[in-house]
Amino acid sequence: MDKSDLLFERRKRRTRHRLKQVAYGRPRLSVFRSSQHIYAQVIDDVQGVTLVAASSIEKDMRETLKTGADIEAAKAVGKLIAERARSAGVEAVVFDRGGYIYHGRVKALADAAREGGLQF
């Protein structure tokens, strides 16, 4: 791994460690962004299972979005993950940005999830 990958992994570990301290049993809303798509999962770390997931690679999202790598796609995924989480009975989560800066697509996804009814 090069230095930027090591720094990213360090930020990711630091973020997850802090989340586990303040989670109090709440599931984790984890975000992964690639150069072409954005993905979100609500994960129950106590049981080690993914409760719900959404991404810009899903068929209905690909049909409605111009690209999966912009802020509009992140907003759509945020609304979808909030809708699915609420239907699964999840109201409150902790937001796991991973090693990404809370800016741009990551922030747009978080804001859309809050508007969709998730509390974090």
PDB file of N, CA and C in Angstrom:
ATOM      1  N   MET A   1       0.832  -1.183   0.000  1.00  0.00           N
ATOM      2  CA  MET A   1       0.000   0.000   0.000  1.00  0.00           C
ATOM      3  C   MET A   1       0.877   1.246   0.000  1.00  0.00           C
ATOM      4  N   ASP A   2       0.410   2.257  -0.686  1.00  0.00           N
ATOM      5  CA  ASP A   2       1.148   3.504  -0.644  1.00  0.00           C
ATOM      6  C   ASP A   2       0.678   4.339   0.547  1.00  0.00           C
ATOM      7  N   LYS A   3       1.303   5.472   0.730  1.00  0.00           N
ATOM      8  CA  LYS A   3       1.064   6.278   1.927  1.00  0.00           C
ATOM      9  C   LYS A   3      -0.379   6.773   2.030  1.00  0.00           C
ATOM     10  N   SER A   4      -0.980   7.150   0.914  1.00  0.00           N
ATOM     11  CA  SER A   4      -2.353   7.659   0.979  1.00  0.00           C
ATOM     12  C   SER A   4      -3.329   6.560   1.397  1.00  0.00           C
ATOM     13  N   ASP A   5      -3.097   5.324   0.966  1.00  0.00           N
ATOM     14  CA  ASP A   5      -3.944   4.212   1.384  1.00  0.00           C
ATOM     15  C   ASP A   5      -3.795   3.941   2.882  1.00  0.00           C
ATOM     16  N   LEU A   6      -2.574   4.029   3.371  1.00  0.00           N
ATOM     17  CA  LEU A   6      -2.347   3.816   4.797  1.00  0.00           C
ATOM     18  C   LEU A   6      -3.019   4.898   5.632  1.00  0.00           C
ATOM     19  N   LEU A   7      -2.951   6.131   5.183  1.00  0.00           N
ATOM     20  CA  LEU A   7      -3.609   7.216   5.903  1.00  0.00           C
ATOM     21  C   LEU A   7      -5.121   7.058   5.879  1.00  0.00           C
ATOM     22  N   PHE A   8      -5.659   6.612   4.743  1.00  0.00           N
ATOM     23  CA  PHE A   8      -7.098   6.376   4.642  1.00  0.00           C
ATOM     24  C   PHE A   8      -7.524   5.292   5.630  1.00  0.00           C
ATOM     25  N   GLU A   9      -6.779   4.196   5.668  1.00  0.00           N
ATOM     26  CA  GLU A   9      -7.107   3.103   6.589  1.00  0.00           C
ATOM     27  C   GLU A   9      -7.018   3.564   8.040  1.00  0.00           C
ATOM     28  N   ARG A  10      -6.055   4.415   8.349  1.00  0.00           N
ATOM     29  CA  ARG A  10      -5.921   4.935   9.705  1.00  0.00           C
ATOM     30  C   ARG A  10      -7.145   5.782  10.071  1.00  0.00           C
ATOM     31  N   ARG A  11      -7.576   6.651   9.155  1.00  0.00           N
ATOM     32  CA  ARG A  11      -8.770   7.469   9.412  1.00  0.00           C
ATOM     33  C   ARG A  11      -9.997   6.589   9.585  1.00  0.00           C
ATOM     34  N   LYS A  12     -10.117   5.543   8.773  1.00  0.00           N
ATOM     35  CA  LYS A  12     -11.265   4.642   8.857  1.00  0.00           C
ATOM     36  C   LYS A  12     -11.290   3.913  10.201  1.00  0.00           C
ATOM     37  N   ARG A  13     -10.147   3.404  10.626  1.00  0.00           N
ATOM     38  CA  ARG A  13     -10.079   2.712  11.916  1.00  0.00           C
ATOM     39  C   ARG A  13     -10.401   3.655  13.066  1.00  0.00           C
ATOM     40  N   ARG A  14      -9.869   4.875  13.007  1.00  0.00           N
ATOM     41  CA  ARG A  14     -10.108   5.864  14.054  1.00  0.00           C
ATOM     42  C   ARG A  14     -11.594   6.204  14.134  1.00  0.00           C
ATOM     43  N   THR A  15     -12.232   6.389  12.994  1.00  0.00           N
ATOM     44  CA  THR A  15     -13.659   6.715  12.949  1.00  0.00           C
ATOM     45  C   THR A  15     -14.493   5.572  13.510  1.00  0.00           C
ATOM     46  N   ARG A  16     -14.222   4.351  13.089  1.00  0.00           N
ATOM     47  CA  ARG A  16     -15.011   3.203  13.557  1.00  0.00           C
ATOM     48  C   ARG A  16     -14.811   2.949  15.041  1.00  0.00           C
ATOM     49  N   HIS A  17     -13.602   3.143  15.526  1.00  0.00           N
ATOM     50  CA  HIS A  17     -13.340   2.965  16.950  1.00  0.00           C
ATOM     51  C   HIS A  17     -14.166   3.953  17.773  1.00  0.00           C
ATOM     52  N   ARG A  18     -14.189   5.185  17.328  1.00  0.00           N
ATOM     53  CA  ARG A  18     -14.967   6.208  18.032  1.00  0.00           C
ATOM     54  C   ARG A  18     -16.468   5.907  17.968  1.00  0.00           C
ATOM     55  N   LEU A  19     -16.932   5.423  16.829  1.00  0.00           N
ATOM     56  CA  LEU A  19     -18.355   5.100  16.698  1.00  0.00           C
ATOM     57  C   LEU A  19     -18.764   3.981  17.645  1.00  0.00           C
ATOM     58  N   LYS A  20     -17.915   2.986  17.802  1.00  0.00           N
ATOM     59  CA  LYS A  20     -18.249   1.880  18.695  1.00  0.00           C
ATOM     60  C   LYS A  20     -18.359   2.349  20.131  1.00  0.00           C
ATOM     61  N   GLN A  21     -17.631   3.393  20.499  1.00  0.00           N
ATOM     62  CA  GLN A  21     -17.709   3.928  21.851  1.00  0.00           C
ATOM     63  C   GLN A  21     -19.007   4.667  22.109  1.00  0.00           C
ATOM     64  N   VAL A  22     -19.561   5.328  21.095  1.00  0.00           N
ATOM     65  CA  VAL A  22     -20.745   6.164  21.298  1.00  0.00           C
ATOM     66  C   VAL A  22     -22.023   5.546  20.719  1.00  0.00           C
ATOM     67  N   ALA A  23     -21.957   4.346  20.159  1.00  0.00           N
ATOM     68  CA  ALA A  23     -23.103   3.770  19.455  1.00  0.00           C
ATOM     69  C   ALA A  23     -24.237   3.391  20.402  1.00  0.00           C
ATOM     70  N   TYR A  24     -23.941   2.842  21.564  1.00  0.00           N
ATOM     71  CA  TYR A  24     -24.962   2.404  22.519  1.00  0.00           C
ATOM     72  C   TYR A  24     -25.978   1.460  21.878  1.00  0.00           C
ATOM     73  N   GLY A  25     -25.501   0.548  21.056  1.00  0.00           N
ATOM     74  CA  GLY A  25     -26.368  -0.459  20.462  1.00  0.00           C
ATOM     75  C   GLY A  25     -27.074  -0.034  19.192  1.00  0.00           C
ATOM     76  N   ARG A  26     -26.874   1.201  18.754  1.00  0.00           N
ATOM     77  CA  ARG A  26     -27.514   1.639  17.512  1.00  0.00           C
ATOM     78  C   ARG A  26     -26.791   1.036  16.316  1.00  0.00           C
ATOM     79  N   PRO A  27     -27.508   0.762  15.237  1.00  0.00           N
ATOM     80  CA  PRO A  27     -26.851   0.283  14.019  1.00  0.00           C
ATOM     81  C   PRO A  27     -25.995   1.373  13.390  1.00  0.00           C
ATOM     82  N   ARG A  28     -25.129   0.964  12.493  1.00  0.00           N
ATOM     83  CA  ARG A  28     -24.180   1.874  11.857  1.00  0.00           C
ATOM     84  C   ARG A  28     -24.570   2.066  10.401  1.00  0.00           C
ATOM     85  N   LEU A  29     -24.687   3.326   9.967  1.00  0.00           N
ATOM     86  CA  LEU A  29     -24.922   3.658   8.564  1.00  0.00           C
ATOM     87  C   LEU A  29     -23.565   3.879   7.918  1.00  0.00           C
ATOM     88  N   SER A  30     -23.110   2.888   7.163  1.00  0.00           N
ATOM     89  CA  SER A  30     -21.786   2.912   6.573  1.00  0.00           C
ATOM     90  C   SER A  30     -21.867   3.343   5.113  1.00  0.00           C
ATOM     91  N   VAL A  31     -20.933   4.206   4.693  1.00  0.00           N
ATOM     92  CA  VAL A  31     -20.912   4.747   3.340  1.00  0.00           C
ATOM     93  C   VAL A  31     -19.625   4.326   2.646  1.00  0.00           C
ATOM     94  N   PHE A  32     -19.768   3.900   1.392  1.00  0.00           N
ATOM     95  CA  PHE A  32     -18.612   3.638   0.540  1.00  0.00           C
ATOM     96  C   PHE A  32     -18.842   4.366  -0.766  1.00  0.00           C
ATOM     97  N   ARG A  33     -17.842   5.111  -1.200  1.00  0.00           N
ATOM     98  CA  ARG A  33     -17.974   5.782  -2.476  1.00  0.00           C
ATOM     99  C   ARG A  33     -16.810   5.382  -3.365  1.00  0.00           C
ATOM    100  N   SER A  34     -17.142   5.075  -4.599  1.00  0.00           N
ATOM    101  CA  SER A  34     -16.116   4.784  -5.589  1.00  0.00           C
ATOM    102  C   SER A  34     -16.122   5.920  -6.597  1.00  0.00           C
ATOM    103  N   SER A  35     -15.340   5.789  -7.622  1.00  0.00           N
ATOM    104  CA  SER A  35     -15.297   6.850  -8.616  1.00  0.00           C
ATOM    105  C   SER A  35     -16.545   6.854  -9.491  1.00  0.00           C
ATOM    106  N   GLN A  36     -17.306   5.760  -9.491  1.00  0.00           N
ATOM    107  CA  GLN A  36     -18.480   5.675 -10.361  1.00  0.00           C
ATOM    108  C   GLN A  36     -19.801   5.536  -9.620  1.00  0.00           C
ATOM    109  N   HIS A  37     -19.791   5.078  -8.359  1.00  0.00           N
ATOM    110  CA  HIS A  37     -21.037   4.828  -7.637  1.00  0.00           C
ATOM    111  C   HIS A  37     -20.871   5.173  -6.162  1.00  0.00           C
ATOM    112  N   ILE A  38     -22.002   5.153  -5.449  1.00  0.00           N
ATOM    113  CA  ILE A  38     -21.997   5.340  -4.003  1.00  0.00           C
ATOM    114  C   ILE A  38     -22.909   4.281  -3.390  1.00  0.00           C
ATOM    115  N   TYR A  39     -22.491   3.748  -2.259  1.00  0.00           N
ATOM    116  CA  TYR A  39     -23.181   2.646  -1.607  1.00  0.00           C
ATOM    117  C   TYR A  39     -23.403   3.001  -0.141  1.00  0.00           C
ATOM    118  N   ALA A  40     -24.490   2.495   0.439  1.00  0.00           N
ATOM    119  CA  ALA A  40     -24.767   2.702   1.857  1.00  0.00           C
ATOM    120  C   ALA A  40     -25.363   1.425   2.433  1.00  0.00           C
ATOM    121  N   GLN A  41     -24.990   1.125   3.677  1.00  0.00           N
ATOM    122  CA  GLN A  41     -25.518  -0.040   4.379  1.00  0.00           C
ATOM    123  C   GLN A  41     -25.835   0.351   5.810  1.00  0.00           C
ATOM    124  N   VAL A  42     -26.884  -0.236   6.353  1.00  0.00           N
ATOM    125  CA  VAL A  42     -27.163  -0.122   7.774  1.00  0.00           C
ATOM    126  C   VAL A  42     -26.779  -1.470   8.369  1.00  0.00           C
ATOM    127  N   ILE A  43     -25.782  -1.451   9.250  1.00  0.00           N
ATOM    128  CA  ILE A  43     -25.172  -2.666   9.773  1.00  0.00           C
ATOM    129  C   ILE A  43     -25.397  -2.754  11.274  1.00  0.00           C
ATOM    130  N   ASP A  44     -25.834  -3.920  11.734  1.00  0.00           N
ATOM    131  CA  ASP A  44     -25.945  -4.192  13.160  1.00  0.00           C
ATOM    132  C   ASP A  44     -24.652  -4.882  13.583  1.00  0.00           C
ATOM    133  N   ASP A  45     -23.785  -4.152  14.279  1.00  0.00           N
ATOM    134  CA  ASP A  45     -22.483  -4.697  14.664  1.00  0.00           C
ATOM    135  C   ASP A  45     -22.577  -5.713  15.792  1.00  0.00           C
ATOM    136  N   VAL A  46     -23.642  -5.663  16.572  1.00  0.00           N
ATOM    137  CA  VAL A  46     -23.793  -6.622  17.664  1.00  0.00           C
ATOM    138  C   VAL A  46     -24.012  -8.026  17.091  1.00  0.00           C
ATOM    139  N   GLN A  47     -24.901  -8.136  16.114  1.00  0.00           N
ATOM    140  CA  GLN A  47     -25.177  -9.430  15.491  1.00  0.00           C
ATOM    141  C   GLN A  47     -24.279  -9.698  14.293  1.00  0.00           C
ATOM    142  N   GLY A  48     -23.664  -8.659  13.750  1.00  0.00           N
ATOM    143  CA  GLY A  48     -22.783  -8.816  12.599  1.00  0.00           C
ATOM    144  C   GLY A  48     -23.524  -9.050  11.301  1.00  0.00           C
ATOM    145  N   VAL A  49     -24.670  -8.367  11.128  1.00  0.00           N
ATOM    146  CA  VAL A  49     -25.464  -8.541   9.913  1.00  0.00           C
ATOM    147  C   VAL A  49     -25.791  -7.175   9.303  1.00  0.00           C
ATOM    148  N   THR A  50     -25.974  -7.185   7.990  1.00  0.00           N
ATOM    149  CA  THR A  50     -26.433  -6.004   7.284  1.00  0.00           C
ATOM    150  C   THR A  50     -27.953  -6.010   7.291  1.00  0.00           C
ATOM    151  N   LEU A  51     -28.548  -4.952   7.815  1.00  0.00           N
ATOM    152  CA  LEU A  51     -30.004  -4.881   7.906  1.00  0.00           C
ATOM    153  C   LEU A  51     -30.620  -4.447   6.583  1.00  0.00           C
ATOM    154  N   VAL A  52     -30.123  -3.358   6.010  1.00  0.00           N
ATOM    155  CA  VAL A  52     -30.601  -2.867   4.717  1.00  0.00           C
ATOM    156  C   VAL A  52     -29.423  -2.268   3.957  1.00  0.00           C
ATOM    157  N   ALA A  53     -29.570  -2.193   2.645  1.00  0.00           N
ATOM    158  CA  ALA A  53     -28.533  -1.611   1.808  1.00  0.00           C
ATOM    159  C   ALA A  53     -29.177  -0.894   0.630  1.00  0.00           C
ATOM    160  N   ALA A  54     -28.445   0.071   0.090  1.00  0.00           N
ATOM    161  CA  ALA A  54     -28.880   0.797  -1.104  1.00  0.00           C
ATOM    162  C   ALA A  54     -27.639   1.296  -1.827  1.00  0.00           C
ATOM    163  N   SER A  55     -27.755   1.412  -3.143  1.00  0.00           N
ATOM    164  CA  SER A  55     -26.619   1.913  -3.910  1.00  0.00           C
ATOM    165  C   SER A  55     -27.094   2.529  -5.216  1.00  0.00           C
ATOM    166  N   SER A  56     -26.208   3.256  -5.850  1.00  0.00           N
ATOM    167  CA  SER A  56     -26.531   3.870  -7.132  1.00  0.00           C
ATOM    168  C   SER A  56     -26.379   2.884  -8.281  1.00  0.00           C
ATOM    169  N   ILE A  57     -26.002   1.659  -7.986  1.00  0.00           N
ATOM    170  CA  ILE A  57     -25.820   0.655  -9.030  1.00  0.00           C
ATOM    171  C   ILE A  57     -27.104  -0.166  -9.250  1.00  0.00           C
ATOM    172  N   GLU A  58     -28.101   0.030  -8.397  1.00  0.00           N
ATOM    173  CA  GLU A  58     -29.359  -0.700  -8.547  1.00  0.00           C
ATOM    174  C   GLU A  58     -30.060  -0.281  -9.834  1.00  0.00           C
ATOM    175  N   LYS A  59     -30.831  -1.189 -10.386  1.00  0.00           N
ATOM    176  CA  LYS A  59     -31.408  -0.979 -11.712  1.00  0.00           C
ATOM    177  C   LYS A  59     -32.308   0.260 -11.782  1.00  0.00           C
ATOM    178  N   ASP A  60     -33.203   0.421 -10.812  1.00  0.00           N
ATOM    179  CA  ASP A  60     -34.103   1.573 -10.855  1.00  0.00           C
ATOM    180  C   ASP A  60     -33.352   2.894 -10.673  1.00  0.00           C
ATOM    181  N   MET A  61     -32.259   2.870  -9.929  1.00  0.00           N
ATOM    182  CA  MET A  61     -31.440   4.078  -9.751  1.00  0.00           C
ATOM    183  C   MET A  61     -30.685   4.406 -11.043  1.00  0.00           C
ATOM    184  N   ARG A  62     -30.157   3.391 -11.711  1.00  0.00           N
ATOM    185  CA  ARG A  62     -29.428   3.625 -12.951  1.00  0.00           C
ATOM    186  C   ARG A  62     -30.331   4.212 -14.026  1.00  0.00           C
ATOM    187  N   GLU A  63     -31.608   3.821 -14.017  1.00  0.00           N
ATOM    188  CA  GLU A  63     -32.543   4.318 -15.020  1.00  0.00           C
ATOM    189  C   GLU A  63     -32.902   5.783 -14.781  1.00  0.00           C
ATOM    190  N   THR A  64     -32.950   6.205 -13.513  1.00  0.00           N
ATOM    191  CA  THR A  64     -33.388   7.568 -13.216  1.00  0.00           C
ATOM    192  C   THR A  64     -32.238   8.559 -13.112  1.00  0.00           C
ATOM    193  N   LEU A  65     -31.045   8.102 -12.789  1.00  0.00           N
ATOM    194  CA  LEU A  65     -29.914   9.006 -12.593  1.00  0.00           C
ATOM    195  C   LEU A  65     -29.069   9.134 -13.845  1.00  0.00           C
ATOM    196  N   LYS A  66     -28.471  10.294 -14.013  1.00  0.00           N
ATOM    197  CA  LYS A  66     -27.562  10.517 -15.135  1.00  0.00           C
ATOM    198  C   LYS A  66     -26.262   9.751 -14.912  1.00  0.00           C
ATOM    199  N   THR A  67     -25.729   9.842 -13.691  1.00  0.00           N
ATOM    200  CA  THR A  67     -24.513   9.117 -13.316  1.00  0.00           C
ATOM    201  C   THR A  67     -24.621   8.730 -11.848  1.00  0.00           C
ATOM    202  N   GLY A  68     -23.886   7.740 -11.455  1.00  0.00           N
ATOM    203  CA  GLY A  68     -23.911   7.305 -10.066  1.00  0.00           C
ATOM    204  C   GLY A  68     -22.857   7.984  -9.220  1.00  0.00           C
ATOM    205  N   ALA A  69     -22.146   8.928  -9.793  1.00  0.00           N
ATOM    206  CA  ALA A  69     -20.998   9.517  -9.109  1.00  0.00           C
ATOM    207  C   ALA A  69     -21.152  11.005  -8.856  1.00  0.00           C
ATOM    208  N   ASP A  70     -22.380  11.480  -8.647  1.00  0.00           N
ATOM    209  CA  ASP A  70     -22.545  12.898  -8.356  1.00  0.00           C
ATOM    210  C   ASP A  70     -23.406  13.083  -7.115  1.00  0.00           C
ATOM    211  N   ILE A  71     -23.602  14.326  -6.734  1.00  0.00           N
ATOM    212  CA  ILE A  71     -24.339  14.633  -5.512  1.00  0.00           C
ATOM    213  C   ILE A  71     -25.800  14.218  -5.632  1.00  0.00           C
ATOM    214  N   GLU A  72     -26.382  14.332  -6.808  1.00  0.00           N
ATOM    215  CA  GLU A  72     -27.775  13.918  -6.995  1.00  0.00           C
ATOM    216  C   GLU A  72     -27.940  12.423  -6.729  1.00  0.00           C
ATOM    217  N   ALA A  73     -26.989  11.628  -7.163  1.00  0.00           N
ATOM    218  CA  ALA A  73     -27.033  10.184  -6.897  1.00  0.00           C
ATOM    219  C   ALA A  73     -26.908   9.921  -5.404  1.00  0.00           C
ATOM    220  N   ALA A  74     -26.042  10.653  -4.727  1.00  0.00           N
ATOM    221  CA  ALA A  74     -25.874  10.480  -3.289  1.00  0.00           C
ATOM    222  C   ALA A  74     -27.154  10.829  -2.539  1.00  0.00           C
ATOM    223  N   LYS A  75     -27.834  11.888  -2.966  1.00  0.00           N
ATOM    224  CA  LYS A  75     -29.103  12.265  -2.334  1.00  0.00           C
ATOM    225  C   LYS A  75     -30.149  11.176  -2.538  1.00  0.00           C
ATOM    226  N   ALA A  76     -30.220  10.620  -3.732  1.00  0.00           N
ATOM    227  CA  ALA A  76     -31.186   9.564  -4.020  1.00  0.00           C
ATOM    228  C   ALA A  76     -30.904   8.320  -3.191  1.00  0.00           C
ATOM    229  N   VAL A  77     -29.649   7.956  -3.054  1.00  0.00           N
ATOM    230  CA  VAL A  77     -29.282   6.789  -2.247  1.00  0.00           C
ATOM    231  C   VAL A  77     -29.584   7.060  -0.776  1.00  0.00           C
ATOM    232  N   GLY A  78     -29.337   8.270  -0.299  1.00  0.00           N
ATOM    233  CA  GLY A  78     -29.643   8.626   1.084  1.00  0.00           C
ATOM    234  C   GLY A  78     -31.122   8.520   1.395  1.00  0.00           C
ATOM    235  N   LYS A  79     -31.956   8.998   0.494  1.00  0.00           N
ATOM    236  CA  LYS A  79     -33.404   8.887   0.700  1.00  0.00           C
ATOM    237  C   LYS A  79     -33.854   7.430   0.680  1.00  0.00           C
ATOM    238  N   LEU A  80     -33.285   6.655  -0.240  1.00  0.00           N
ATOM    239  CA  LEU A  80     -33.653   5.244  -0.353  1.00  0.00           C
ATOM    240  C   LEU A  80     -33.229   4.452   0.872  1.00  0.00           C
ATOM    241  N   ILE A  81     -32.034   4.694   1.384  1.00  0.00           N
ATOM    242  CA  ILE A  81     -31.567   3.952   2.559  1.00  0.00           C
ATOM    243  C   ILE A  81     -32.396   4.326   3.779  1.00  0.00           C
ATOM    244  N   ALA A  82     -32.808   5.589   3.894  1.00  0.00           N
ATOM    245  CA  ALA A  82     -33.645   6.007   5.016  1.00  0.00           C
ATOM    246  C   ALA A  82     -35.010   5.341   4.939  1.00  0.00           C
ATOM    247  N   GLU A  83     -35.572   5.283   3.739  1.00  0.00           N
ATOM    248  CA  GLU A  83     -36.874   4.643   3.555  1.00  0.00           C
ATOM    249  C   GLU A  83     -36.810   3.158   3.916  1.00  0.00           C
ATOM    250  N   ARG A  84     -35.785   2.490   3.435  1.00  0.00           N
ATOM    251  CA  ARG A  84     -35.639   1.054   3.718  1.00  0.00           C
ATOM    252  C   ARG A  84     -35.356   0.792   5.189  1.00  0.00           C
ATOM    253  N   ALA A  85     -34.556   1.641   5.817  1.00  0.00           N
ATOM    254  CA  ALA A  85     -34.236   1.467   7.233  1.00  0.00           C
ATOM    255  C   ALA A  85     -35.474   1.667   8.096  1.00  0.00           C
ATOM    256  N   ARG A  86     -36.254   2.674   7.787  1.00  0.00           N
ATOM    257  CA  ARG A  86     -37.473   2.915   8.565  1.00  0.00           C
ATOM    258  C   ARG A  86     -38.467   1.770   8.398  1.00  0.00           C
ATOM    259  N   SER A  87     -38.556   1.211   7.196  1.00  0.00           N
ATOM    260  CA  SER A  87     -39.464   0.074   7.003  1.00  0.00           C
ATOM    261  C   SER A  87     -38.947  -1.171   7.714  1.00  0.00           C
ATOM    262  N   ALA A  88     -37.645  -1.240   7.979  1.00  0.00           N
ATOM    263  CA  ALA A  88     -37.079  -2.368   8.725  1.00  0.00           C
ATOM    264  C   ALA A  88     -37.115  -2.114  10.235  1.00  0.00           C
ATOM    265  N   GLY A  89     -37.627  -0.961  10.649  1.00  0.00           N
ATOM    266  CA  GLY A  89     -37.766  -0.662  12.069  1.00  0.00           C
ATOM    267  C   GLY A  89     -36.588   0.062  12.685  1.00  0.00           C
ATOM    268  N   VAL A  90     -35.706   0.592  11.873  1.00  0.00           N
ATOM    269  CA  VAL A  90     -34.537   1.314  12.383  1.00  0.00           C
ATOM    270  C   VAL A  90     -34.845   2.811  12.332  1.00  0.00           C
ATOM    271  N   GLU A  91     -34.779   3.460  13.481  1.00  0.00           N
ATOM    272  CA  GLU A  91     -35.057   4.893  13.553  1.00  0.00           C
ATOM    273  C   GLU A  91     -33.789   5.711  13.761  1.00  0.00           C
ATOM    274  N   ALA A  92     -32.867   5.190  14.590  1.00  0.00           N
ATOM    275  CA  ALA A  92     -31.658   5.932  14.931  1.00  0.00           C
ATOM    276  C   ALA A  92     -30.425   5.110  14.568  1.00  0.00           C
ATOM    277  N   VAL A  93     -29.431   5.771  13.989  1.00  0.00           N
ATOM    278  CA  VAL A  93     -28.185   5.120  13.593  1.00  0.00           C
ATOM    279  C   VAL A  93     -27.011   6.012  13.984  1.00  0.00           C
ATOM    280  N   VAL A  94     -25.811   5.472  13.853  1.00  0.00           N
ATOM    281  CA  VAL A  94     -24.603   6.288  13.924  1.00  0.00           C
ATOM    282  C   VAL A  94     -24.033   6.328  12.519  1.00  0.00           C
ATOM    283  N   PHE A  95     -23.545   7.484  12.106  1.00  0.00           N
ATOM    284  CA  PHE A  95     -23.084   7.668  10.740  1.00  0.00           C
ATOM    285  C   PHE A  95     -21.603   7.339  10.643  1.00  0.00           C
ATOM    286  N   ASP A  96     -21.276   6.353   9.814  1.00  0.00           N
ATOM    287  CA  ASP A  96     -19.895   5.929   9.592  1.00  0.00           C
ATOM    288  C   ASP A  96     -19.447   6.429   8.230  1.00  0.00           C
ATOM    289  N   ARG A  97     -18.667   7.488   8.229  1.00  0.00           N
ATOM    290  CA  ARG A  97     -18.180   8.047   6.976  1.00  0.00           C
ATOM    291  C   ARG A  97     -16.949   7.313   6.490  1.00  0.00           C
ATOM    292  N   GLY A  98     -16.474   6.342   7.253  1.00  0.00           N
ATOM    293  CA  GLY A  98     -15.271   5.614   6.880  1.00  0.00           C
ATOM    294  C   GLY A  98     -14.078   6.539   6.947  1.00  0.00           C
ATOM    295  N   GLY A  99     -13.235   6.504   5.959  1.00  0.00           N
ATOM    296  CA  GLY A  99     -12.079   7.384   5.915  1.00  0.00           C
ATOM    297  C   GLY A  99     -12.318   8.620   5.083  1.00  0.00           C
ATOM    298  N   TYR A 100     -13.554   8.801   4.619  1.00  0.00           N
ATOM    299  CA  TYR A 100     -13.867   9.928   3.737  1.00  0.00           C
ATOM    300  C   TYR A 100     -14.121  11.193   4.546  1.00  0.00           C
ATOM    301  N   ILE A 101     -13.811  12.325   3.964  1.00  0.00           N
ATOM    302  CA  ILE A 101     -14.098  13.610   4.574  1.00  0.00           C
ATOM    303  C   ILE A 101     -15.603  13.866   4.464  1.00  0.00           C
ATOM    304  N   TYR A 102     -16.182  14.447   5.499  1.00  0.00           N
ATOM    305  CA  TYR A 102     -17.611  14.748   5.502  1.00  0.00           C
ATOM    306  C   TYR A 102     -17.837  15.972   4.618  1.00  0.00           C
ATOM    307  N   HIS A 103     -17.942  15.700   3.313  1.00  0.00           N
ATOM    308  CA  HIS A 103     -17.977  16.767   2.325  1.00  0.00           C
ATOM    309  C   HIS A 103     -18.507  16.176   1.028  1.00  0.00           C
ATOM    310  N   GLY A 104     -19.178  16.965   0.218  1.00  0.00           N
ATOM    311  CA  GLY A 104     -19.590  16.515  -1.108  1.00  0.00           C
ATOM    312  C   GLY A 104     -20.622  15.404  -1.079  1.00  0.00           C
ATOM    313  N   ARG A 105     -20.300  14.287  -1.725  1.00  0.00           N
ATOM    314  CA  ARG A 105     -21.252  13.187  -1.854  1.00  0.00           C
ATOM    315  C   ARG A 105     -21.577  12.544  -0.516  1.00  0.00           C
ATOM    316  N   VAL A 106     -20.606  12.440   0.373  1.00  0.00           N
ATOM    317  CA  VAL A 106     -20.842  11.829   1.682  1.00  0.00           C
ATOM    318  C   VAL A 106     -21.797  12.699   2.495  1.00  0.00           C
ATOM    319  N   LYS A 107     -21.592  13.994   2.474  1.00  0.00           N
ATOM    320  CA  LYS A 107     -22.473  14.920   3.191  1.00  0.00           C
ATOM    321  C   LYS A 107     -23.871  14.931   2.581  1.00  0.00           C
ATOM    322  N   ALA A 108     -23.963  14.878   1.266  1.00  0.00           N
ATOM    323  CA  ALA A 108     -25.266  14.870   0.605  1.00  0.00           C
ATOM    324  C   ALA A 108     -26.057  13.624   0.973  1.00  0.00           C
ATOM    325  N   LEU A 109     -25.393  12.478   1.035  1.00  0.00           N
ATOM    326  CA  LEU A 109     -26.069  11.239   1.428  1.00  0.00           C
ATOM    327  C   LEU A 109     -26.567  11.347   2.862  1.00  0.00           C
ATOM    328  N   ALA A 110     -25.743  11.873   3.761  1.00  0.00           N
ATOM    329  CA  ALA A 110     -26.136  12.014   5.162  1.00  0.00           C
ATOM    330  C   ALA A 110     -27.323  12.963   5.319  1.00  0.00           C
ATOM    331  N   ASP A 111     -27.287  14.088   4.636  1.00  0.00           N
ATOM    332  CA  ASP A 111     -28.384  15.047   4.728  1.00  0.00           C
ATOM    333  C   ASP A 111     -29.685  14.465   4.191  1.00  0.00           C
ATOM    334  N   ALA A 112     -29.607  13.720   3.087  1.00  0.00           N
ATOM    335  CA  ALA A 112     -30.810  13.099   2.531  1.00  0.00           C
ATOM    336  C   ALA A 112     -31.348  12.015   3.455  1.00  0.00           C
ATOM    337  N   ALA A 113     -30.481  11.285   4.120  1.00  0.00           N
ATOM    338  CA  ALA A 113     -30.937  10.259   5.069  1.00  0.00           C
ATOM    339  C   ALA A 113     -31.631  10.913   6.268  1.00  0.00           C
ATOM    340  N   ARG A 114     -31.103  12.055   6.708  1.00  0.00           N
ATOM    341  CA  ARG A 114     -31.765  12.782   7.803  1.00  0.00           C
ATOM    342  C   ARG A 114     -33.140  13.272   7.364  1.00  0.00           C
ATOM    343  N   GLU A 115     -33.227  13.808   6.157  1.00  0.00           N
ATOM    344  CA  GLU A 115     -34.518  14.268   5.641  1.00  0.00           C
ATOM    345  C   GLU A 115     -35.499  13.104   5.496  1.00  0.00           C
ATOM    346  N   GLY A 116     -34.976  11.916   5.221  1.00  0.00           N
ATOM    347  CA  GLY A 116     -35.818  10.732   5.085  1.00  0.00           C
ATOM    348  C   GLY A 116     -36.304  10.174   6.413  1.00  0.00           C
ATOM    349  N   GLY A 117     -35.806  10.698   7.530  1.00  0.00           N
ATOM    350  CA  GLY A 117     -36.321  10.299   8.834  1.00  0.00           C
ATOM    351  C   GLY A 117     -35.341   9.579   9.729  1.00  0.00           C
ATOM    352  N   LEU A 118     -34.128   9.303   9.275  1.00  0.00           N
ATOM    353  CA  LEU A 118     -33.157   8.666  10.164  1.00  0.00           C
ATOM    354  C   LEU A 118     -32.584   9.711  11.122  1.00  0.00           C
ATOM    355  N   GLN A 119     -32.337   9.296  12.345  1.00  0.00           N
ATOM    356  CA  GLN A 119     -31.772  10.197  13.347  1.00  0.00           C
ATOM    357  C   GLN A 119     -30.340   9.806  13.617  1.00  0.00           C
ATOM    358  N   PHE A 120     -29.432  10.741  13.451  1.00  0.00           N
ATOM    359  CA  PHE A 120     -28.032  10.557  13.840  1.00  0.00           C
ATOM    360  C   PHE A 120     -27.369  11.898  14.013  1.00  0.00           C
TER     361      PHE A 120
END
